[in-house]
Protein backbone atom coordinates (compact mmCIF):
# COMPACT_ATOMS: atom_id res chain seq x y z
CA MET A 1 -48.24 1.68 -55.54
CA ALA A 2 -48.40 -1.22 -53.12
CA THR A 3 -47.59 -0.49 -49.50
CA GLU A 4 -46.98 -2.53 -46.40
CA PHE A 5 -50.54 -1.73 -45.28
CA ASP A 6 -52.04 -3.79 -48.15
CA LYS A 7 -50.81 -6.98 -46.44
CA MET A 8 -52.47 -6.10 -43.11
CA THR A 9 -55.90 -7.26 -41.95
CA VAL A 10 -58.69 -4.80 -41.11
CA ALA A 11 -58.09 -5.40 -37.40
CA GLU A 12 -54.38 -4.66 -37.79
CA LEU A 13 -55.15 -1.54 -39.81
CA LYS A 14 -57.52 -0.25 -37.14
CA GLU A 15 -54.91 -0.95 -34.46
CA ALA A 16 -52.34 1.03 -36.47
CA LEU A 17 -54.83 3.90 -36.80
CA LYS A 18 -55.49 3.78 -33.06
CA GLU A 19 -51.77 4.08 -32.33
CA ARG A 20 -51.63 7.17 -34.55
CA GLY A 21 -54.77 8.72 -33.03
CA LEU A 22 -56.65 8.54 -36.34
CA VAL A 23 -60.29 7.72 -37.16
CA ARG A 24 -60.85 3.95 -37.45
CA SER A 25 -64.14 3.89 -39.40
CA GLY A 26 -64.47 2.90 -43.07
CA ASN A 27 -63.65 -0.02 -45.30
CA LYS A 28 -60.20 -1.50 -45.80
CA SER A 29 -59.25 0.74 -48.74
CA GLU A 30 -60.24 3.85 -46.75
CA LEU A 31 -58.24 2.67 -43.74
CA ILE A 32 -55.19 2.09 -45.94
CA GLN A 33 -55.59 5.48 -47.61
CA ARG A 34 -55.83 7.18 -44.22
CA LEU A 35 -52.65 5.47 -43.02
CA VAL A 36 -50.74 6.32 -46.21
CA GLU A 37 -51.77 10.00 -45.99
CA ASN A 38 -50.57 10.23 -42.39
CA GLU A 39 -47.50 8.07 -42.78
CA THR A 40 -44.33 9.45 -41.11
CA PRO A 41 -40.78 9.04 -42.43
CA SER A 42 -40.13 6.37 -39.80
CA THR A 43 -42.56 4.02 -41.61
CA ASN A 44 -42.06 5.36 -45.13
CA GLU A 45 -40.40 2.90 -47.46
CA SER A 46 -39.28 5.55 -49.92
CA THR A 47 -35.72 5.06 -51.01
CA GLU A 48 -35.05 8.80 -51.12
CA SER A 49 -32.21 9.69 -48.80
CA ASN A 50 -32.45 12.44 -46.19
CA VAL A 51 -29.96 15.05 -45.11
CA GLU A 52 -29.57 15.70 -41.39
CA PHE A 53 -27.90 18.76 -39.91
CA ASP A 54 -27.97 21.02 -36.84
CA CYS A 55 -29.61 24.41 -36.74
CA PRO A 56 -26.72 26.93 -36.62
CA ASN A 57 -28.56 28.96 -33.98
CA CYS A 58 -30.16 26.56 -31.46
CA ARG A 59 -28.46 23.26 -32.53
CA SER A 60 -31.79 21.45 -32.97
CA ARG A 61 -31.48 18.38 -35.18
CA LEU A 62 -33.15 18.98 -38.56
CA GLN A 63 -33.79 16.67 -41.50
CA VAL A 64 -34.74 17.37 -45.13
CA PRO A 65 -35.10 15.15 -48.21
CA ALA A 66 -32.00 15.18 -50.37
CA SER A 67 -34.06 16.46 -53.30
CA PHE A 68 -35.63 19.36 -51.39
CA GLU A 69 -34.61 22.82 -52.57
CA GLY A 70 -35.13 26.23 -51.03
CA SER A 71 -35.01 27.52 -47.47
CA ILE A 72 -36.45 26.11 -44.27
CA ILE A 73 -37.36 27.66 -40.93
CA CYS A 74 -36.22 26.00 -37.71
CA PRO A 75 -39.38 25.20 -35.65
CA THR A 76 -37.49 25.75 -32.41
CA CYS A 77 -35.92 29.18 -32.88
CA SER A 78 -37.53 30.32 -36.19
CA THR A 79 -34.14 30.80 -37.84
CA LYS A 80 -34.29 30.75 -41.65
CA ILE A 81 -31.77 28.31 -43.08
CA ASP A 82 -30.70 28.02 -46.69
CA ASN A 83 -31.04 24.36 -47.62
CA ALA A 84 -27.96 24.48 -49.87
CA LEU A 85 -25.92 25.74 -46.91
CA ALA A 86 -27.40 23.03 -44.69
CA LYS A 87 -26.33 20.30 -47.09
CA LYS A 88 -22.77 21.61 -47.04
CA GLN A 89 -22.64 20.83 -43.32
CA GLN A 90 -22.70 17.13 -44.15
CA SER A 91 -19.10 16.00 -43.97
CA PRO A 92 -18.37 12.92 -46.10
CA GLY A 93 -16.93 9.80 -44.56
CA PHE A 94 -16.69 8.82 -40.92
CA THR A 95 -18.25 11.17 -38.35
CA MET A 96 -18.67 10.97 -34.58
CA THR A 97 -21.30 12.42 -32.29
CA GLN A 98 -20.34 14.54 -29.31
CA ASN A 99 -21.17 11.71 -26.90
CA GLN A 100 -18.99 9.29 -28.88
CA ILE A 101 -16.09 11.73 -28.67
CA SER A 102 -16.85 12.20 -24.96
CA LEU A 103 -16.78 8.43 -24.39
CA ALA A 104 -13.49 8.11 -26.29
CA VAL A 105 -11.91 10.82 -24.12
CA SER A 106 -13.10 9.09 -20.94
CA ILE A 107 -11.76 5.71 -22.09
CA SER A 108 -8.40 7.33 -22.91
CA GLY A 109 -8.26 8.79 -19.39
CA LEU A 110 -9.17 5.42 -17.83
CA VAL A 111 -6.48 3.61 -19.84
CA LEU A 112 -3.92 6.25 -18.86
CA GLY A 113 -4.86 5.78 -15.20
CA LEU A 114 -4.40 2.01 -15.41
CA VAL A 115 -1.02 2.48 -17.11
CA ALA A 116 -0.06 4.89 -14.31
CA ILE A 117 -0.80 2.20 -11.71
CA ILE A 118 1.37 -0.33 -13.58
CA VAL A 119 4.23 2.17 -13.91
CA PHE A 120 3.93 3.11 -10.22
CA PHE A 121 4.31 -0.45 -8.95
CA SER A 122 7.04 -1.23 -11.50
CA ALA A 123 9.10 1.49 -9.81
CA PHE A 124 9.63 -0.84 -6.82
CA THR A 125 10.95 -3.82 -8.74
CA THR A 126 14.54 -4.95 -8.22
CA ASP A 127 15.62 -3.92 -11.72
CA ALA A 128 14.17 -0.43 -11.27
CA MET A 129 15.77 0.19 -7.88
CA CYS A 130 19.16 -1.14 -8.94
CA SER A 131 20.24 -2.27 -12.37
CA GLU A 132 22.02 -5.62 -12.62
CA GLU A 133 25.39 -4.07 -13.54
CA ASP A 134 25.37 -2.00 -10.31
CA ARG A 135 24.70 -4.95 -7.97
CA THR A 136 27.51 -6.28 -5.81
CA THR A 137 27.34 -9.64 -4.03
CA ILE A 138 28.34 -9.62 -0.35
CA ILE A 139 28.26 -12.11 2.54
CA VAL A 140 26.25 -11.13 5.62
CA ASP A 141 26.07 -13.55 8.55
CA GLY A 142 27.13 -16.36 6.30
CA GLU A 143 24.43 -15.65 3.76
CA GLU A 144 25.01 -14.29 0.30
CA THR A 145 23.12 -11.14 -0.56
CA TRP A 146 23.57 -8.14 -2.84
CA THR A 147 23.95 -4.42 -2.42
CA CYS A 148 23.61 -1.61 -4.93
CA ASP A 149 26.79 0.25 -5.82
CA SER A 150 25.47 2.99 -8.12
CA ASP A 151 26.87 6.47 -8.71
CA GLU A 152 23.46 7.86 -9.68
CA PHE A 153 21.82 10.58 -7.62
CA LEU A 154 18.39 9.83 -6.17
CA TRP A 155 16.56 11.85 -8.87
CA GLU A 156 18.47 10.01 -11.60
CA THR A 157 17.34 6.52 -10.63
CA THR A 158 14.75 4.57 -12.60
CA THR A 159 12.53 4.32 -9.52
CA THR A 160 12.37 8.08 -9.10
CA LYS A 161 11.67 8.62 -12.79
CA ARG A 162 8.84 6.10 -12.84
CA LEU A 163 7.30 7.58 -9.70
CA PHE A 164 7.49 11.04 -11.27
CA TYR A 165 5.92 9.90 -14.54
CA SER A 166 3.09 8.02 -12.86
CA CYS A 167 2.26 10.40 -10.00
CA CYS A 168 3.04 13.79 -11.54
CA LEU A 169 2.11 13.25 -15.20
CA MET A 170 -0.08 10.20 -15.84
CA ILE A 171 -2.44 10.39 -12.87
CA PRO A 172 -3.19 14.14 -13.27
CA GLY A 173 -3.62 13.49 -17.01
CA SER A 174 -6.04 10.65 -16.27
CA MET A 175 -8.07 12.86 -13.93
CA LEU A 176 -8.17 15.65 -16.53
CA LEU A 177 -9.24 13.35 -19.40
CA THR A 178 -11.94 11.48 -17.47
CA SER A 179 -13.38 14.71 -16.05
CA THR A 180 -13.31 16.42 -19.44
CA GLY A 181 -14.91 13.43 -21.13
CA TYR A 182 -17.79 13.34 -18.65
CA SER A 183 -18.34 17.11 -18.84
CA MET A 184 -18.55 16.87 -22.66
CA ARG A 185 -21.63 14.62 -22.56
CA GLU A 186 -24.83 16.04 -23.92
CA LYS A 187 -28.36 14.83 -23.35
CA PRO A 188 -29.50 12.94 -26.48
CA GLU A 189 -32.51 14.39 -28.25
CA ASN A 190 -35.56 12.13 -28.62
CA GLU A 191 -37.03 14.18 -31.47
CA VAL A 192 -35.83 15.04 -34.98
CA PHE A 193 -37.37 17.84 -37.03
CA PHE A 194 -37.79 17.03 -40.71
CA VAL A 195 -39.20 18.59 -43.88
CA ASN A 196 -41.66 16.42 -45.77
CA ALA A 197 -41.97 16.28 -49.56
CA ASP A 198 -44.37 19.26 -49.50
CA GLY A 199 -41.86 21.47 -47.71
CA VAL A 200 -43.69 21.37 -44.35
CA MET A 201 -41.58 21.08 -41.21
CA GLN A 202 -42.70 18.25 -38.94
CA VAL A 203 -41.35 16.46 -35.88
CA SER A 204 -40.62 12.76 -35.59
CA GLN A 205 -39.52 10.53 -32.73
CA LYS A 206 -36.20 8.73 -33.09
CA PRO A 207 -36.51 5.30 -34.75
CA THR A 208 -37.72 2.62 -32.38
CA SER A 209 -37.08 -1.08 -32.18
CA PRO A 210 -39.91 -3.65 -32.55
CA SER A 211 -40.25 -3.62 -28.76
CA GLY A 212 -40.95 0.12 -28.84
CA GLU A 213 -37.69 1.24 -27.28
CA ASN A 214 -35.58 4.04 -28.75
CA GLN A 215 -32.66 2.82 -30.86
CA GLU A 216 -29.77 4.81 -29.46
CA ASN A 217 -26.03 4.54 -29.71
CA PHE A 218 -24.23 3.00 -26.76
CA SER A 219 -22.52 6.35 -26.16
CA ASP A 220 -25.96 7.92 -25.54
CA SER A 221 -27.13 5.23 -23.12
CA LYS A 222 -27.39 5.39 -19.34
CA VAL A 223 -24.79 2.62 -19.10
CA ALA A 224 -22.22 4.76 -20.93
CA ASN A 225 -23.11 7.70 -18.69
CA ALA A 226 -22.57 5.58 -15.56
CA LEU A 227 -19.27 4.19 -16.87
CA GLN A 228 -17.99 7.67 -17.65
CA ALA A 229 -19.00 8.88 -14.20
CA ALA A 230 -17.17 5.93 -12.62
CA ALA A 231 -14.08 6.65 -14.74
CA MET A 232 -14.17 10.28 -13.64
CA TYR A 233 -14.32 9.37 -9.94
CA PHE A 234 -11.56 6.82 -10.53
CA GLY A 235 -9.31 9.57 -11.93
CA ILE A 236 -10.24 12.04 -9.19
CA GLY A 237 -9.69 9.40 -6.50
CA MET A 238 -6.19 8.54 -7.73
CA TYR A 239 -5.28 12.22 -7.98
CA ALA A 240 -6.56 12.80 -4.43
CA MET A 241 -4.41 9.93 -3.12
CA VAL A 242 -1.35 11.38 -4.86
CA MET A 243 -2.04 14.79 -3.33
CA VAL A 244 -2.44 13.32 0.18
CA ALA A 245 0.78 11.30 -0.21
CA GLY A 246 2.57 14.41 -1.46
CA ILE A 247 1.40 16.44 1.54
CA ILE A 248 2.52 13.71 3.97
CA LEU A 249 5.95 13.49 2.30
CA ALA A 250 6.30 17.26 2.39
CA ILE A 251 5.49 17.32 6.12
CA LEU A 252 8.02 14.54 6.81
CA PHE A 253 10.65 16.35 4.72
CA PHE A 254 10.27 19.64 6.57
CA ALA A 255 10.16 17.81 9.90
CA LEU A 256 13.47 16.14 9.01
CA ILE A 257 14.99 19.50 8.04
CA TYR A 258 13.81 20.99 11.32
CA LEU A 259 15.36 18.16 13.33
CA ILE A 260 18.67 18.49 11.49
CA LEU A 261 18.88 22.27 11.90
CA PHE A 262 17.52 22.77 15.40
CA GLU A 263 17.89 19.51 17.32
CA TYR A 264 21.47 18.52 16.43
């Protein structure tokens, strides 16, 4: 069967052998045979699909050919795994990695925090502080202005409600989501254990790009890690500001009560 190595020159074949740490002596057919015998799944052009799953004991990432039958032994923790049971772990359809779920949680927290900021500032608009039907036009020093003639209590006003939603619900929720999302991140593995056609467990590096860099999902990258960390500090920072403002308001409230009760 023709392989990709048949199209390579002797110099290219020897360079490929050097990269794999193999002997470089012999004619072209021997060089090709040596490469084929030591070929890893990352360069194998076989169309046979593989099944990937996690070891139920140590969570190492394992891989077996779809046609492989029998049991395998995890090279990390030596746990014996029934291959039929391993294949059942494969859930059909759309799946997400833990880091993708973590990133989604962090983004949700960041969006909630931004919405909280919008709701907070909307609490100080004219319509929020006094609805149009409660406004009364008056003349002050010859100039026309309006005053609010509402029967609502302070805690019933739209301003108070929006401040409560943003400061007491959305901002704490944003802090919780961004912190949870960042804490859910796991360090991506650079190695995948797989079973070859002979039933021998081997280890392979993650697929690499032509430049030699690991092909990883964005959720596993350092950029995603930095963005999630920034989102977490954003949520914590907003929550801290709310707490400080709450403490200051509480101090002013009790100071006012003290003045009313003991000074007048």
